Amino acid sequence: MKEKFEVKELINVGVFTALYFVVVFVTCFIGMVPICMVLIPLIIPIVAGIPLMLFFSKIKRFGMFTISGVLFGLIMFLLGSYSWVIILTCVLAALLADLVMMAGGYKSVKCCVAASSVFSLWGIGTFISLFFGFREEYLNSIVDGYGQEYVDKLSSYTPSWMFFVMAAMCLVGGLIGGLLGSKVLNKHFRKAGMA
């Protein structure tokens, strides 16, 4: 097994990380409506499923997706996430997704779909501040940008138990996105020799 990544592999990591970020960033605009903010953990993985599954079809060995998770977490943090925890959740979710794909020898579409579901848990990192320890600070930090009425509605939609519902939405959204992506990219997966 090769120890160093090839230039083509690192280019794929950079390109697909950037593409995934753009899809996530654009989709996040639905969060301008308070109830949609609560649904973001479900919606983003569905919308981002196709580019994510396309990236998975290019991965042939362990570590490529973990690197992507590190980059994605750093981008999310630097461009306005409210806590460094987003880096940790992105890295852990990407590492778990990498392990799931490795279990399928990077040839199993089913494992790629499962990896899509697992990776989507990164999204809960954007909401940890809303639920654990920093709720008031988080809500106060968005008043200027969104207004008090928005903050009041968001607060009413997010009692503490909603954290677990949103985590489940990440998994379900990732599963739907993975299935959708695998259907759309079926021919591409067959060309890549994946079953």
Protein backbone atom coordinates (compact mmCIF):
# COMPACT_ATOMS: atom_id res chain seq x y z
CA MET A 1 0.00 0.00 0.00
CA LYS A 2 1.29 3.45 -0.93
CA GLU A 3 2.24 5.63 2.00
CA LYS A 4 2.02 9.04 0.35
CA PHE A 5 -1.03 10.48 -1.34
CA GLU A 6 -0.74 11.17 -5.04
CA VAL A 7 -1.15 14.71 -6.34
CA LYS A 8 -4.39 13.67 -8.11
CA GLU A 9 -5.83 12.41 -4.82
CA LEU A 10 -4.99 15.65 -3.02
CA ILE A 11 -6.49 17.67 -5.88
CA ASN A 12 -9.69 15.61 -5.55
CA VAL A 13 -9.73 16.32 -1.82
CA GLY A 14 -9.41 20.06 -2.42
CA VAL A 15 -11.91 20.26 -5.26
CA PHE A 16 -14.61 18.16 -3.61
CA THR A 17 -14.17 19.82 -0.22
CA ALA A 18 -14.67 23.20 -1.90
CA LEU A 19 -17.67 21.92 -3.87
CA TYR A 20 -19.26 20.41 -0.76
CA PHE A 21 -18.71 23.65 1.15
CA VAL A 22 -20.36 25.73 -1.61
CA VAL A 23 -23.42 23.44 -1.62
CA VAL A 24 -23.65 23.62 2.19
CA PHE A 25 -23.16 27.39 2.22
CA VAL A 26 -25.88 28.05 -0.37
CA THR A 27 -28.30 25.64 1.31
CA CYS A 28 -27.76 27.36 4.67
CA PHE A 29 -29.65 30.40 3.40
CA ILE A 30 -32.90 28.57 4.10
CA GLY A 31 -31.99 29.13 7.77
CA MET A 32 -33.23 32.71 7.37
CA VAL A 33 -36.62 31.24 8.32
CA PRO A 34 -36.51 30.03 11.96
CA ILE A 35 -38.29 26.69 11.40
CA CYS A 36 -36.02 25.98 8.45
CA MET A 37 -33.00 26.58 10.71
CA VAL A 38 -34.20 23.65 12.78
CA LEU A 39 -34.57 21.53 9.61
CA ILE A 40 -31.10 22.34 8.26
CA PRO A 41 -29.56 19.11 9.67
CA LEU A 42 -32.05 17.16 7.51
CA ILE A 43 -31.98 19.32 4.38
CA ILE A 44 -28.25 19.96 3.90
CA PRO A 45 -27.22 16.29 3.70
CA ILE A 46 -30.00 15.59 1.19
CA VAL A 47 -28.96 18.48 -1.07
CA ALA A 48 -25.24 17.72 -0.67
CA GLY A 49 -25.69 13.98 -1.23
CA ILE A 50 -24.84 13.98 -4.94
CA PRO A 51 -21.46 15.78 -4.75
CA LEU A 52 -20.58 13.83 -1.60
CA MET A 53 -21.28 10.47 -3.25
CA LEU A 54 -19.34 11.56 -6.34
CA PHE A 55 -16.37 12.28 -4.08
CA PHE A 56 -16.77 8.91 -2.37
CA SER A 57 -16.50 7.22 -5.79
CA LYS A 58 -13.02 8.79 -6.16
CA ILE A 59 -11.73 7.61 -2.78
CA LYS A 60 -9.65 4.44 -2.89
CA ARG A 61 -7.83 4.45 0.43
CA PHE A 62 -8.01 5.53 4.03
CA GLY A 63 -7.30 9.12 4.99
CA MET A 64 -8.50 11.02 1.94
CA PHE A 65 -11.88 11.78 3.42
CA THR A 66 -10.48 12.48 6.87
CA ILE A 67 -8.26 15.18 5.31
CA SER A 68 -11.36 16.58 3.63
CA GLY A 69 -13.14 16.65 7.01
CA VAL A 70 -10.27 18.59 8.58
CA LEU A 71 -10.33 21.15 5.75
CA PHE A 72 -14.11 21.45 5.83
CA GLY A 73 -14.14 21.93 9.62
CA LEU A 74 -11.50 24.66 9.39
CA ILE A 75 -13.41 26.45 6.62
CA MET A 76 -16.65 26.30 8.61
CA PHE A 77 -14.92 27.66 11.70
CA LEU A 78 -13.05 30.44 9.91
CA LEU A 79 -16.13 31.59 8.02
CA GLY A 80 -18.34 32.10 10.99
CA SER A 81 -19.24 29.00 12.96
CA TYR A 82 -19.92 29.96 16.56
CA SER A 83 -17.62 27.44 18.19
CA TRP A 84 -14.37 25.55 17.59
CA VAL A 85 -16.44 22.41 18.27
CA ILE A 86 -17.38 22.41 14.56
CA ILE A 87 -13.78 21.44 13.73
CA LEU A 88 -13.94 18.51 16.14
CA THR A 89 -17.31 17.26 14.89
CA CYS A 90 -16.23 17.53 11.23
CA VAL A 91 -13.00 15.62 11.86
CA LEU A 92 -14.68 12.89 13.93
CA ALA A 93 -17.55 12.48 11.45
CA ALA A 94 -15.11 12.31 8.51
CA LEU A 95 -12.92 9.78 10.32
CA LEU A 96 -15.95 7.58 11.05
CA ALA A 97 -17.07 7.88 7.41
CA ASP A 98 -13.57 6.92 6.26
CA LEU A 99 -13.69 3.84 8.51
CA VAL A 100 -17.12 2.84 7.17
CA MET A 101 -15.89 3.11 3.57
CA MET A 102 -12.73 1.19 4.46
CA ALA A 103 -14.91 -1.61 5.88
CA GLY A 104 -16.39 -1.92 2.37
CA GLY A 105 -12.96 -1.84 0.76
CA TYR A 106 -13.87 1.50 -0.88
CA LYS A 107 -15.87 -0.58 -3.37
CA SER A 108 -19.25 -0.86 -1.65
CA VAL A 109 -21.98 1.60 -2.59
CA LYS A 110 -23.89 0.53 0.54
CA CYS A 111 -20.93 1.48 2.71
CA CYS A 112 -20.68 4.82 0.89
CA VAL A 113 -24.36 5.48 1.62
CA ALA A 114 -23.77 4.58 5.28
CA ALA A 115 -20.69 6.84 5.29
CA SER A 116 -22.83 9.69 3.93
CA SER A 117 -25.19 9.22 6.87
CA VAL A 118 -22.36 9.10 9.42
CA PHE A 119 -20.54 12.10 7.96
CA SER A 120 -23.71 14.19 8.12
CA LEU A 121 -23.37 14.21 11.90
CA TRP A 122 -20.85 17.04 11.44
CA GLY A 123 -23.90 19.32 11.21
CA ILE A 124 -24.74 18.93 14.86
CA GLY A 125 -21.48 20.75 15.66
CA THR A 126 -23.01 23.98 14.39
CA PHE A 127 -25.76 23.72 17.00
CA ILE A 128 -23.89 22.53 20.08
CA SER A 129 -23.56 26.11 21.37
CA LEU A 130 -27.33 26.47 21.08
CA PHE A 131 -27.93 23.56 23.44
CA PHE A 132 -24.96 23.11 25.75
CA GLY A 133 -23.55 25.79 28.02
CA PHE A 134 -23.62 28.78 25.70
CA ARG A 135 -27.28 29.08 24.71
CA GLU A 136 -27.76 32.69 25.81
CA GLU A 137 -24.46 33.82 24.30
CA TYR A 138 -25.32 32.07 21.01
CA LEU A 139 -28.80 33.60 20.83
CA ASN A 140 -27.50 37.06 21.77
CA SER A 141 -24.80 36.80 19.11
CA ILE A 142 -27.35 36.41 16.31
CA VAL A 143 -29.79 39.13 17.40
CA ASP A 144 -28.06 41.86 15.39
CA GLY A 145 -28.10 39.83 12.19
CA TYR A 146 -31.52 38.19 12.48
CA GLY A 147 -33.57 40.31 14.86
CA GLN A 148 -35.18 39.58 18.22
CA GLU A 149 -38.34 38.03 16.73
CA TYR A 150 -36.27 35.45 14.83
CA VAL A 151 -34.24 34.65 17.96
CA ASP A 152 -37.39 34.24 20.07
CA LYS A 153 -38.90 31.84 17.53
CA LEU A 154 -35.67 29.86 17.20
CA SER A 155 -35.48 29.61 20.98
CA SER A 156 -39.05 28.31 21.18
CA TYR A 157 -38.33 25.69 18.46
CA THR A 158 -35.22 24.37 20.22
CA PRO A 159 -35.91 22.97 23.71
CA SER A 160 -33.02 20.87 25.00
CA TRP A 161 -34.46 17.55 23.74
CA MET A 162 -34.44 18.94 20.19
CA PHE A 163 -30.66 18.37 20.06
CA PHE A 164 -31.26 14.62 19.80
CA VAL A 165 -33.95 15.09 17.17
CA MET A 166 -31.56 17.22 15.13
CA ALA A 167 -28.81 14.59 15.47
CA ALA A 168 -31.28 11.99 14.16
CA MET A 169 -32.18 14.36 11.30
CA CYS A 170 -28.48 14.49 10.36
CA LEU A 171 -28.35 10.69 10.08
CA VAL A 172 -31.63 10.44 8.16
CA GLY A 173 -30.74 13.32 5.84
CA GLY A 174 -27.34 11.76 5.15
CA LEU A 175 -28.97 8.42 4.39
CA ILE A 176 -31.49 9.99 1.99
CA GLY A 177 -28.75 12.10 0.38
CA GLY A 178 -26.51 9.04 -0.01
CA LEU A 179 -29.31 6.99 -1.57
CA LEU A 180 -30.25 9.85 -3.89
CA GLY A 181 -26.62 10.39 -4.85
CA SER A 182 -26.05 6.69 -5.50
CA LYS A 183 -29.13 6.54 -7.75
CA VAL A 184 -28.13 9.63 -9.72
CA LEU A 185 -24.51 8.45 -10.02
CA ASN A 186 -25.27 4.77 -10.63
CA LYS A 187 -23.47 4.71 -13.99
CA HIS A 188 -20.51 6.55 -12.51
CA PHE A 189 -20.21 4.00 -9.69
CA ARG A 190 -20.32 1.13 -12.16
CA LYS A 191 -17.50 2.72 -14.19
CA ALA A 192 -15.48 3.04 -10.98
CA GLY A 193 -16.00 -0.70 -10.38
CA MET A 194 -18.15 -0.20 -7.29
CA ALA A 195 -20.98 -2.55 -6.35
